[in-house]
N, C-alpha and C. Protein backbone atom coordinates (compact mmCIF):
# COMPACT_ATOMS: atom_id res chain seq x y z
N MET A 1 -158.43 -33.46 -74.38
CA MET A 1 -157.84 -32.20 -74.92
C MET A 1 -157.51 -31.18 -73.79
N LYS A 2 -158.10 -31.40 -72.66
CA LYS A 2 -157.81 -30.59 -71.54
C LYS A 2 -156.45 -30.58 -71.14
N TRP A 3 -155.85 -31.78 -71.09
CA TRP A 3 -154.37 -31.85 -70.73
C TRP A 3 -153.49 -31.04 -71.74
N PHE A 4 -153.98 -31.10 -73.07
CA PHE A 4 -153.07 -30.27 -74.01
C PHE A 4 -153.12 -28.87 -73.85
N ASP A 5 -154.46 -28.42 -73.47
CA ASP A 5 -154.50 -26.93 -73.16
C ASP A 5 -153.61 -26.51 -72.03
N SER A 6 -153.77 -27.38 -70.90
CA SER A 6 -153.12 -27.02 -69.64
C SER A 6 -151.60 -27.04 -69.81
N PHE A 7 -151.21 -28.09 -70.52
CA PHE A 7 -149.74 -28.29 -70.68
C PHE A 7 -149.16 -26.91 -71.44
N PHE A 8 -149.84 -26.46 -72.44
CA PHE A 8 -149.22 -25.20 -73.25
C PHE A 8 -149.35 -24.11 -72.33
N GLU A 9 -150.52 -24.01 -71.56
CA GLU A 9 -150.67 -22.81 -70.65
C GLU A 9 -149.71 -22.71 -69.65
N GLN A 10 -149.29 -23.83 -69.16
CA GLN A 10 -148.19 -23.81 -68.16
C GLN A 10 -146.92 -23.43 -68.65
N LYS A 11 -146.56 -23.92 -69.90
CA LYS A 11 -145.34 -23.69 -70.52
C LYS A 11 -145.18 -22.25 -70.92
N THR A 12 -146.42 -21.63 -71.38
CA THR A 12 -146.34 -20.23 -71.79
C THR A 12 -146.25 -19.43 -70.57
N ARG A 13 -146.84 -19.69 -69.40
CA ARG A 13 -146.76 -18.86 -68.21
C ARG A 13 -145.24 -18.93 -67.67
N MET A 14 -144.72 -20.12 -67.80
CA MET A 14 -143.27 -20.22 -67.37
C MET A 14 -142.33 -19.30 -68.18
N ALA A 15 -142.54 -19.44 -69.46
CA ALA A 15 -141.84 -18.55 -70.33
C ALA A 15 -141.85 -17.02 -70.17
N ALA A 16 -143.17 -16.81 -69.97
CA ALA A 16 -143.47 -15.35 -69.61
C ALA A 16 -142.83 -14.81 -68.42
N GLN A 17 -142.66 -15.79 -67.35
CA GLN A 17 -142.07 -15.34 -66.16
C GLN A 17 -140.56 -15.31 -66.12
N GLY A 18 -140.04 -16.21 -67.07
CA GLY A 18 -138.55 -16.27 -67.15
C GLY A 18 -137.92 -15.44 -68.23
N ILE A 19 -138.77 -14.94 -69.19
CA ILE A 19 -138.29 -14.08 -70.35
C ILE A 19 -138.68 -12.79 -70.20
N SER A 20 -137.82 -11.69 -70.11
CA SER A 20 -138.26 -10.36 -70.08
C SER A 20 -138.09 -9.79 -71.59
N ARG A 21 -138.48 -8.48 -71.66
CA ARG A 21 -138.41 -7.88 -72.98
C ARG A 21 -136.93 -7.68 -73.35
N ARG A 22 -136.06 -7.36 -72.23
CA ARG A 22 -134.64 -7.06 -72.45
C ARG A 22 -134.05 -8.33 -72.93
N SER A 23 -134.28 -9.46 -72.29
CA SER A 23 -133.67 -10.74 -72.73
C SER A 23 -133.96 -11.17 -74.06
N ALA A 24 -135.31 -10.90 -74.38
CA ALA A 24 -135.76 -11.19 -75.82
C ALA A 24 -134.97 -10.31 -76.73
N LEU A 25 -134.82 -8.98 -76.49
CA LEU A 25 -134.04 -8.19 -77.46
C LEU A 25 -132.58 -8.57 -77.49
N SER A 26 -132.17 -9.04 -76.33
CA SER A 26 -130.65 -9.48 -76.30
C SER A 26 -130.49 -10.70 -77.21
N ARG A 27 -131.38 -11.71 -77.10
CA ARG A 27 -131.30 -12.91 -77.92
C ARG A 27 -131.42 -12.51 -79.43
N ILE A 28 -132.40 -11.61 -79.67
CA ILE A 28 -132.45 -11.27 -81.18
C ILE A 28 -131.32 -10.62 -81.58
N GLY A 29 -130.61 -9.77 -80.90
CA GLY A 29 -129.47 -8.97 -81.26
C GLY A 29 -128.37 -10.00 -81.30
N ARG A 30 -128.23 -10.94 -80.53
CA ARG A 30 -127.16 -12.12 -80.81
C ARG A 30 -127.25 -12.81 -82.03
N ALA A 31 -128.66 -13.07 -82.40
CA ALA A 31 -128.87 -13.68 -83.63
C ALA A 31 -128.47 -12.92 -84.88
N VAL A 32 -128.90 -11.61 -84.74
CA VAL A 32 -128.54 -10.67 -85.99
C VAL A 32 -127.06 -10.58 -86.15
N VAL A 33 -126.25 -10.53 -85.03
CA VAL A 33 -124.92 -10.31 -85.14
C VAL A 33 -124.26 -11.57 -85.64
N GLY A 34 -124.69 -12.69 -85.06
CA GLY A 34 -124.24 -14.06 -85.66
C GLY A 34 -124.54 -14.30 -87.12
N ALA A 35 -125.65 -13.76 -87.48
CA ALA A 35 -125.96 -13.88 -88.89
C ALA A 35 -125.11 -13.10 -89.72
N ALA A 36 -124.87 -12.00 -89.35
CA ALA A 36 -123.90 -11.01 -90.04
C ALA A 36 -122.53 -11.77 -90.21
N LEU A 37 -122.08 -12.43 -89.24
CA LEU A 37 -120.69 -12.98 -89.27
C LEU A 37 -120.87 -14.30 -90.11
N ILE A 38 -121.91 -14.87 -90.23
CA ILE A 38 -121.93 -16.15 -91.00
C ILE A 38 -122.40 -16.03 -92.56
N LEU A 39 -123.27 -14.92 -92.76
CA LEU A 39 -123.70 -14.75 -94.05
C LEU A 39 -122.59 -14.48 -95.15
N PRO A 40 -121.46 -13.83 -94.90
CA PRO A 40 -120.53 -13.65 -95.95
C PRO A 40 -119.78 -15.04 -96.25
N ILE A 41 -119.89 -15.88 -95.50
CA ILE A 41 -119.18 -17.25 -95.80
C ILE A 41 -120.03 -18.03 -96.86
N LEU A 42 -121.37 -17.84 -96.71
CA LEU A 42 -122.37 -18.57 -97.83
C LEU A 42 -122.02 -18.29 -99.06
N PRO A 43 -122.44 -19.11 -99.93
CA PRO A 43 -122.09 -18.87 -101.38
C PRO A 43 -123.22 -17.93 -102.09
N PHE A 44 -122.78 -16.95 -102.45
CA PHE A 44 -123.69 -15.83 -103.08
C PHE A 44 -123.16 -15.72 -104.53
N ASP A 45 -124.13 -15.34 -105.36
CA ASP A 45 -123.85 -14.83 -106.76
C ASP A 45 -123.16 -13.53 -106.65
N ARG A 46 -121.83 -13.31 -107.09
CA ARG A 46 -121.17 -12.17 -106.93
C ARG A 46 -121.09 -11.59 -108.38
N VAL A 47 -121.91 -11.82 -109.28
CA VAL A 47 -121.88 -11.18 -110.67
C VAL A 47 -121.98 -9.66 -110.45
N ALA A 48 -122.90 -9.24 -109.63
CA ALA A 48 -123.14 -7.77 -109.51
C ALA A 48 -121.90 -7.01 -109.21
N ARG A 49 -121.01 -7.60 -108.41
CA ARG A 49 -119.72 -6.93 -108.17
C ARG A 49 -118.90 -6.77 -109.47
N GLU A 50 -118.83 -7.88 -110.40
CA GLU A 50 -118.28 -7.84 -111.73
C GLU A 50 -118.74 -6.65 -112.57
N ALA A 51 -120.07 -6.39 -112.40
CA ALA A 51 -120.76 -5.40 -113.32
C ALA A 51 -120.09 -3.90 -113.06
N HIS A 52 -119.60 -3.79 -111.87
CA HIS A 52 -119.07 -2.37 -111.47
C HIS A 52 -117.49 -2.46 -111.68
N ALA A 53 -116.86 -3.52 -112.23
CA ALA A 53 -115.47 -3.56 -112.43
C ALA A 53 -115.20 -2.67 -113.60
N ALA A 54 -113.83 -2.49 -113.80
CA ALA A 54 -113.50 -1.47 -114.92
C ALA A 54 -113.91 -2.42 -116.15
N PRO A 55 -114.52 -1.57 -117.19
CA PRO A 55 -114.98 -2.25 -118.32
C PRO A 55 -113.71 -2.69 -119.15
N LYS A 56 -113.76 -3.90 -119.85
CA LYS A 56 -112.76 -4.24 -120.84
C LYS A 56 -112.83 -3.48 -122.16
N ASP A 57 -111.56 -3.27 -122.66
CA ASP A 57 -111.52 -2.60 -123.92
C ASP A 57 -111.92 -3.47 -125.08
N LYS A 58 -113.16 -3.45 -125.52
CA LYS A 58 -113.68 -4.35 -126.45
C LYS A 58 -113.09 -4.09 -127.89
N ARG A 59 -112.37 -3.04 -128.03
CA ARG A 59 -111.74 -2.57 -129.36
C ARG A 59 -110.60 -3.54 -129.62
N ASN A 60 -110.06 -4.27 -128.68
CA ASN A 60 -108.92 -5.15 -128.82
C ASN A 60 -109.39 -6.67 -128.56
N ASP A 61 -110.58 -6.78 -128.35
CA ASP A 61 -111.15 -8.25 -128.24
C ASP A 61 -111.75 -8.76 -129.46
N ASP A 62 -111.23 -9.81 -130.10
CA ASP A 62 -111.70 -10.24 -131.34
C ASP A 62 -112.91 -11.06 -131.27
N THR A 63 -113.48 -11.30 -130.19
CA THR A 63 -114.69 -12.00 -129.95
C THR A 63 -115.85 -10.96 -129.81
N ALA A 64 -115.52 -9.70 -129.76
CA ALA A 64 -116.53 -8.74 -129.44
C ALA A 64 -116.88 -7.94 -130.71
N CYS A 65 -118.11 -7.42 -130.91
CA CYS A 65 -118.52 -6.70 -132.04
C CYS A 65 -117.70 -5.38 -132.24
N GLU A 66 -117.33 -4.88 -131.08
CA GLU A 66 -116.58 -3.69 -131.12
C GLU A 66 -115.21 -3.62 -131.51
N TYR A 67 -114.66 -4.82 -131.91
CA TYR A 67 -113.40 -4.99 -132.21
C TYR A 67 -113.05 -4.15 -133.55
N TRP A 68 -112.10 -3.43 -133.56
CA TRP A 68 -111.78 -2.40 -134.65
C TRP A 68 -112.02 -3.00 -136.10
N ARG A 69 -111.54 -4.15 -136.36
CA ARG A 69 -111.54 -4.80 -137.77
C ARG A 69 -113.11 -5.12 -138.13
N TYR A 70 -114.02 -5.07 -137.13
CA TYR A 70 -115.38 -5.43 -137.61
C TYR A 70 -116.12 -4.25 -137.96
N CYS A 71 -115.57 -3.06 -138.33
CA CYS A 71 -116.38 -1.83 -138.52
C CYS A 71 -117.45 -1.89 -139.71
N ALA A 72 -117.37 -2.78 -140.63
CA ALA A 72 -118.27 -3.05 -141.70
C ALA A 72 -118.72 -4.52 -141.95
N LEU A 73 -118.64 -5.16 -140.74
CA LEU A 73 -118.99 -6.68 -140.75
C LEU A 73 -120.46 -6.97 -140.52
N ASP A 74 -121.12 -7.76 -141.21
CA ASP A 74 -122.35 -8.23 -141.04
C ASP A 74 -122.50 -9.70 -140.99
N GLY A 75 -122.58 -10.36 -139.92
CA GLY A 75 -122.65 -11.76 -139.85
C GLY A 75 -122.16 -12.22 -138.34
N TRP A 76 -121.90 -13.64 -138.34
CA TRP A 76 -121.43 -14.32 -137.26
C TRP A 76 -119.96 -14.22 -137.16
N LEU A 77 -119.25 -13.96 -136.03
CA LEU A 77 -117.89 -13.82 -135.98
C LEU A 77 -117.26 -15.28 -135.91
N CYS A 78 -116.40 -15.65 -136.77
CA CYS A 78 -115.64 -16.77 -136.81
C CYS A 78 -114.82 -17.11 -135.59
N THR A 79 -114.46 -16.11 -134.86
CA THR A 79 -113.71 -16.19 -133.64
C THR A 79 -114.49 -16.82 -132.57
N CYS A 80 -115.73 -16.72 -132.72
CA CYS A 80 -116.81 -17.47 -131.86
C CYS A 80 -117.18 -18.84 -132.14
N CYS A 81 -116.85 -19.15 -133.49
CA CYS A 81 -117.35 -20.31 -134.14
C CYS A 81 -116.40 -21.39 -134.44
N GLY A 82 -115.13 -21.35 -133.89
CA GLY A 82 -114.13 -22.31 -134.09
C GLY A 82 -112.99 -21.81 -134.92
N GLY A 83 -113.11 -20.64 -135.63
CA GLY A 83 -112.10 -20.28 -136.40
C GLY A 83 -111.25 -19.09 -135.71
N THR A 84 -110.48 -18.47 -136.63
CA THR A 84 -109.76 -17.27 -136.11
C THR A 84 -110.18 -15.98 -136.78
N ILE A 85 -109.50 -14.93 -136.55
CA ILE A 85 -110.02 -13.78 -137.15
C ILE A 85 -109.79 -13.72 -138.68
N SER A 86 -108.88 -14.61 -139.08
CA SER A 86 -108.49 -14.53 -140.62
C SER A 86 -108.50 -15.88 -141.17
N SER A 87 -109.03 -17.02 -140.56
CA SER A 87 -109.19 -18.23 -141.20
C SER A 87 -110.50 -18.87 -140.77
N CYS A 88 -111.10 -19.61 -141.59
CA CYS A 88 -112.44 -20.17 -141.43
C CYS A 88 -112.15 -21.53 -140.47
N PRO A 89 -113.29 -21.68 -139.79
CA PRO A 89 -113.37 -22.97 -138.94
C PRO A 89 -113.23 -24.28 -139.80
N PRO A 90 -112.70 -25.30 -139.14
CA PRO A 90 -112.61 -26.54 -139.76
C PRO A 90 -114.08 -27.01 -140.35
N GLY A 91 -114.05 -27.75 -141.62
CA GLY A 91 -115.26 -28.07 -142.19
C GLY A 91 -115.89 -26.96 -142.97
N THR A 92 -115.40 -25.86 -143.21
CA THR A 92 -115.85 -24.71 -143.93
C THR A 92 -114.82 -24.30 -144.88
N GLU A 93 -115.18 -23.70 -145.99
CA GLU A 93 -114.22 -22.96 -147.02
C GLU A 93 -114.47 -21.50 -147.11
N VAL A 94 -113.54 -20.84 -147.51
CA VAL A 94 -113.52 -19.40 -147.60
C VAL A 94 -114.34 -19.06 -148.91
N SER A 95 -115.16 -18.06 -148.85
CA SER A 95 -116.05 -17.58 -149.97
C SER A 95 -115.01 -17.19 -151.02
N LYS A 96 -115.50 -17.41 -152.34
CA LYS A 96 -114.67 -17.04 -153.55
C LYS A 96 -114.89 -15.51 -153.77
N VAL A 97 -115.91 -14.89 -153.38
CA VAL A 97 -116.13 -13.48 -153.44
C VAL A 97 -116.27 -12.84 -152.18
N THR A 98 -115.83 -11.62 -152.00
CA THR A 98 -115.92 -10.85 -150.75
C THR A 98 -116.27 -9.46 -150.89
N TRP A 99 -116.37 -8.75 -149.73
CA TRP A 99 -116.56 -7.39 -149.70
C TRP A 99 -115.41 -6.78 -148.88
N VAL A 100 -114.98 -5.52 -149.15
CA VAL A 100 -113.93 -4.87 -148.52
C VAL A 100 -114.48 -3.62 -147.81
N GLY A 101 -113.79 -3.40 -146.59
CA GLY A 101 -114.01 -2.17 -145.80
C GLY A 101 -112.79 -1.62 -145.39
N THR A 102 -112.79 -0.37 -145.04
CA THR A 102 -111.79 0.44 -144.57
C THR A 102 -111.98 0.77 -143.04
N CYS A 103 -111.28 0.20 -142.02
CA CYS A 103 -111.49 0.42 -140.59
C CYS A 103 -110.13 1.05 -140.04
N HIS A 104 -110.51 1.83 -139.06
CA HIS A 104 -109.38 2.71 -138.23
C HIS A 104 -109.05 1.78 -137.03
N ASN A 105 -107.75 1.68 -136.89
CA ASN A 105 -107.07 0.83 -135.76
C ASN A 105 -106.79 1.95 -134.71
N PRO A 106 -107.52 1.90 -133.62
CA PRO A 106 -107.27 3.11 -132.59
C PRO A 106 -105.92 2.76 -131.84
N ASN A 107 -105.26 1.47 -132.00
CA ASN A 107 -103.89 1.27 -131.35
C ASN A 107 -102.80 2.15 -132.12
N ASP A 108 -102.81 2.06 -133.40
CA ASP A 108 -101.74 2.86 -134.14
C ASP A 108 -102.27 4.05 -134.96
N GLY A 109 -103.45 4.27 -134.91
CA GLY A 109 -103.98 5.45 -135.54
C GLY A 109 -104.09 5.33 -137.09
N ARG A 110 -103.89 4.09 -137.62
CA ARG A 110 -103.90 4.03 -139.07
C ARG A 110 -105.20 3.26 -139.50
N ASP A 111 -105.46 3.48 -140.81
CA ASP A 111 -106.59 2.84 -141.53
C ASP A 111 -106.23 1.56 -142.25
N TYR A 112 -107.03 0.69 -142.23
CA TYR A 112 -106.52 -0.55 -142.76
C TYR A 112 -107.62 -1.12 -143.84
N LEU A 113 -107.24 -1.74 -145.01
CA LEU A 113 -108.28 -2.42 -145.75
C LEU A 113 -108.73 -3.67 -145.13
N ILE A 114 -109.85 -4.12 -144.89
CA ILE A 114 -110.16 -5.28 -144.36
C ILE A 114 -111.01 -6.07 -145.54
N SER A 115 -110.62 -7.27 -145.61
CA SER A 115 -111.48 -8.14 -146.48
C SER A 115 -112.29 -9.00 -145.59
N TYR A 116 -113.62 -8.99 -145.90
CA TYR A 116 -114.54 -9.64 -145.18
C TYR A 116 -115.04 -10.92 -145.91
N ASN A 117 -114.56 -12.07 -145.45
CA ASN A 117 -114.80 -13.26 -146.31
C ASN A 117 -115.77 -14.21 -145.48
N ASP A 118 -116.86 -14.55 -146.07
CA ASP A 118 -117.86 -15.49 -145.41
C ASP A 118 -117.25 -16.89 -145.47
N CYS A 119 -117.42 -17.75 -144.57
CA CYS A 119 -117.08 -19.16 -144.46
C CYS A 119 -118.23 -19.92 -144.90
N CYS A 120 -118.11 -20.83 -145.80
CA CYS A 120 -119.25 -21.44 -146.36
C CYS A 120 -119.05 -23.05 -146.12
N GLY A 121 -120.25 -23.68 -146.23
CA GLY A 121 -120.28 -25.11 -146.15
C GLY A 121 -120.95 -25.67 -145.05
N ALA A 122 -121.18 -25.05 -144.13
CA ALA A 122 -121.90 -25.48 -142.92
C ALA A 122 -123.07 -24.47 -142.53
N THR A 123 -124.04 -24.93 -141.69
CA THR A 123 -125.19 -24.01 -141.24
C THR A 123 -124.65 -23.01 -140.34
N SER A 124 -125.34 -21.95 -140.29
CA SER A 124 -124.97 -20.73 -139.50
C SER A 124 -124.61 -21.05 -138.12
N CYS A 125 -123.44 -20.39 -137.75
CA CYS A 125 -122.88 -20.60 -136.45
C CYS A 125 -123.88 -20.31 -135.29
N GLY A 126 -124.47 -19.08 -135.43
CA GLY A 126 -125.38 -18.82 -134.29
C GLY A 126 -124.86 -18.04 -133.15
N ARG A 127 -123.56 -17.80 -133.11
CA ARG A 127 -122.92 -17.11 -131.87
C ARG A 127 -122.31 -15.83 -132.35
N CYS A 128 -122.35 -14.77 -131.56
CA CYS A 128 -121.57 -13.46 -131.91
C CYS A 128 -121.96 -12.73 -133.06
N LEU A 129 -123.30 -12.51 -133.18
CA LEU A 129 -123.75 -11.85 -134.38
C LEU A 129 -123.40 -10.34 -134.19
N CYS A 130 -122.86 -9.78 -135.36
CA CYS A 130 -122.52 -8.36 -135.36
C CYS A 130 -123.09 -7.77 -136.72
N ASN A 131 -123.57 -6.58 -136.70
CA ASN A 131 -124.17 -5.93 -137.90
C ASN A 131 -123.68 -4.57 -137.76
N PHE A 132 -122.68 -4.12 -138.51
CA PHE A 132 -122.20 -2.67 -138.60
C PHE A 132 -122.32 -2.45 -140.12
N ASN A 133 -122.85 -1.30 -140.43
CA ASN A 133 -123.00 -0.87 -141.65
C ASN A 133 -122.30 0.52 -142.22
N GLU A 134 -121.08 0.63 -141.44
CA GLU A 134 -120.22 1.72 -141.74
C GLU A 134 -119.74 1.63 -143.03
N GLY A 135 -119.92 2.61 -143.95
CA GLY A 135 -119.54 2.67 -145.32
C GLY A 135 -120.25 1.78 -146.28
N GLU A 136 -121.23 1.17 -145.87
CA GLU A 136 -122.05 0.33 -146.75
C GLU A 136 -122.68 1.07 -147.67
N ARG A 137 -122.86 0.66 -149.00
CA ARG A 137 -123.53 1.38 -150.12
C ARG A 137 -124.69 0.47 -150.50
N PRO A 138 -125.58 0.97 -151.25
CA PRO A 138 -126.82 0.22 -151.67
C PRO A 138 -126.42 -1.06 -152.58
N GLY A 139 -127.45 -2.03 -152.57
CA GLY A 139 -127.23 -3.34 -153.13
C GLY A 139 -126.72 -3.41 -154.60
N TYR A 140 -126.91 -2.36 -155.30
CA TYR A 140 -126.49 -2.48 -156.62
C TYR A 140 -124.99 -2.25 -156.79
N ARG A 141 -124.31 -1.98 -155.83
CA ARG A 141 -122.87 -1.98 -155.75
C ARG A 141 -122.32 -3.05 -154.83
N MET A 142 -122.28 -4.24 -155.46
CA MET A 142 -121.98 -5.46 -154.80
C MET A 142 -120.72 -5.34 -153.92
N GLY A 143 -119.73 -4.83 -154.41
CA GLY A 143 -118.49 -5.04 -153.68
C GLY A 143 -118.42 -4.06 -152.47
N VAL A 144 -119.36 -3.27 -152.20
CA VAL A 144 -119.44 -2.44 -150.90
C VAL A 144 -120.74 -2.70 -150.21
N HIS A 145 -121.46 -3.85 -150.36
CA HIS A 145 -122.71 -4.21 -149.68
C HIS A 145 -122.47 -5.46 -148.88
N ASN A 146 -122.83 -5.25 -147.67
CA ASN A 146 -122.56 -6.42 -146.75
C ASN A 146 -123.79 -7.32 -146.48
N ASP A 147 -124.93 -7.12 -146.92
CA ASP A 147 -126.05 -7.75 -146.75
C ASP A 147 -126.34 -8.94 -147.77
N VAL A 148 -125.24 -9.46 -148.45
CA VAL A 148 -125.36 -10.48 -149.51
C VAL A 148 -124.67 -11.69 -148.93
N ASN A 149 -125.32 -12.75 -149.39
CA ASN A 149 -124.69 -14.15 -149.12
C ASN A 149 -123.52 -14.35 -150.03
N TRP A 150 -122.30 -14.10 -149.54
CA TRP A 150 -121.22 -14.02 -150.37
C TRP A 150 -120.77 -15.56 -150.68
N CYS A 151 -121.51 -16.56 -150.13
CA CYS A 151 -121.11 -17.95 -150.41
C CYS A 151 -121.78 -18.45 -151.83
N MET A 152 -122.52 -17.46 -152.53
CA MET A 152 -123.24 -17.84 -153.63
C MET A 152 -122.22 -18.34 -154.89
N ALA A 153 -120.96 -18.01 -154.83
CA ALA A 153 -120.06 -18.64 -155.88
C ALA A 153 -119.43 -19.95 -155.51
N ASN A 154 -119.73 -20.31 -154.22
CA ASN A 154 -119.09 -21.61 -153.96
C ASN A 154 -120.04 -22.76 -154.12
N SER A 155 -119.36 -24.07 -154.15
CA SER A 155 -120.36 -25.18 -154.45
C SER A 155 -121.36 -25.37 -153.45
N ASN A 156 -121.02 -25.24 -152.21
CA ASN A 156 -121.92 -25.30 -151.06
C ASN A 156 -122.11 -23.98 -150.54
N ASN A 157 -123.36 -23.32 -150.89
CA ASN A 157 -123.39 -21.96 -150.59
C ASN A 157 -124.20 -21.58 -149.23
N SER A 158 -124.10 -22.55 -148.19
CA SER A 158 -124.62 -22.24 -146.94
C SER A 158 -123.69 -21.43 -146.20
N TYR A 159 -124.10 -20.31 -145.49
CA TYR A 159 -123.27 -19.32 -144.75
C TYR A 159 -123.04 -19.85 -143.41
N HIS A 160 -121.84 -19.79 -142.91
CA HIS A 160 -121.50 -20.21 -141.52
C HIS A 160 -121.12 -18.99 -140.57
N CYS A 161 -120.08 -18.33 -141.07
CA CYS A 161 -119.57 -17.10 -140.27
C CYS A 161 -118.63 -16.25 -141.18
N THR A 162 -118.16 -15.24 -140.64
CA THR A 162 -117.35 -14.28 -141.29
C THR A 162 -116.03 -14.10 -140.71
N VAL A 163 -114.99 -13.97 -141.63
CA VAL A 163 -113.58 -13.63 -140.98
C VAL A 163 -113.33 -12.14 -141.52
N ALA A 164 -112.26 -11.49 -140.91
CA ALA A 164 -111.90 -10.02 -141.20
C ALA A 164 -110.52 -10.14 -141.36
N ALA A 165 -109.95 -10.18 -142.56
CA ALA A 165 -108.36 -10.36 -142.82
C ALA A 165 -108.09 -8.93 -143.16
N VAL A 166 -106.80 -8.62 -142.64
CA VAL A 166 -106.27 -7.21 -143.11
C VAL A 166 -105.57 -7.52 -144.64
N VAL A 167 -105.85 -6.74 -145.52
CA VAL A 167 -105.21 -6.88 -146.83
C VAL A 167 -104.24 -5.76 -147.29
N GLY A 168 -104.37 -4.68 -146.40
CA GLY A 168 -103.35 -3.62 -146.70
C GLY A 168 -103.68 -2.51 -145.95
N THR A 169 -102.95 -1.35 -145.99
CA THR A 169 -103.19 -0.14 -145.40
C THR A 169 -103.81 0.83 -146.33
N ALA A 170 -104.67 1.70 -145.69
CA ALA A 170 -105.44 2.67 -146.59
C ALA A 170 -104.39 3.87 -146.65
N GLU A 171 -104.49 4.61 -147.96
CA GLU A 171 -103.83 5.77 -148.04
C GLU A 171 -104.28 6.84 -147.14
N SER A 172 -103.38 7.58 -146.45
CA SER A 172 -103.96 8.64 -145.79
C SER A 172 -104.20 9.88 -146.67
N PRO A 173 -105.09 10.71 -146.35
CA PRO A 173 -105.32 11.94 -147.28
C PRO A 173 -104.13 12.83 -147.07
N ARG A 174 -103.71 13.47 -148.25
CA ARG A 174 -102.59 14.27 -148.19
C ARG A 174 -102.86 15.64 -147.63
N ALA A 175 -101.88 16.17 -147.01
CA ALA A 175 -102.19 17.41 -146.30
C ALA A 175 -102.23 18.51 -147.37
N ARG A 176 -103.15 19.40 -147.22
CA ARG A 176 -103.23 20.50 -148.23
C ARG A 176 -102.77 21.75 -147.69
């Protein structure tokens, strides 16, 4: 083992004589500058940059709970489950009973009557759950209560998702 110690002692002394503090700092500086040039090329998760981007207007996105038609919806959005905003996904059927809400469209400033129909006949979708209770009334007024399984009148009463179809415009209050 003596040869091992003497070998490393000799190499260490040679390095100490040939490398000054300034040259060590110079090499470290070159490594830092080189790393600064190389790092932007490496693959990084740039999701944080998207977090500071301009927010999307969710009032016009029919897959977001903030979409204007969903002001009284309680359930899974059919737009996330294979259907559209007003039609059920394949393999399901529209409920025979429904609840109605009045929602304000910020794009044209008008109020619309929205029919919330459950799509029945398949297990719950499990995507895009929304729960808004604007204008909801107690359970003894069935037509204005959204916490009911509206598939109860269908032959297969399992709930899948909910659509929000416009059925008319609401009357505006008369100016007095």
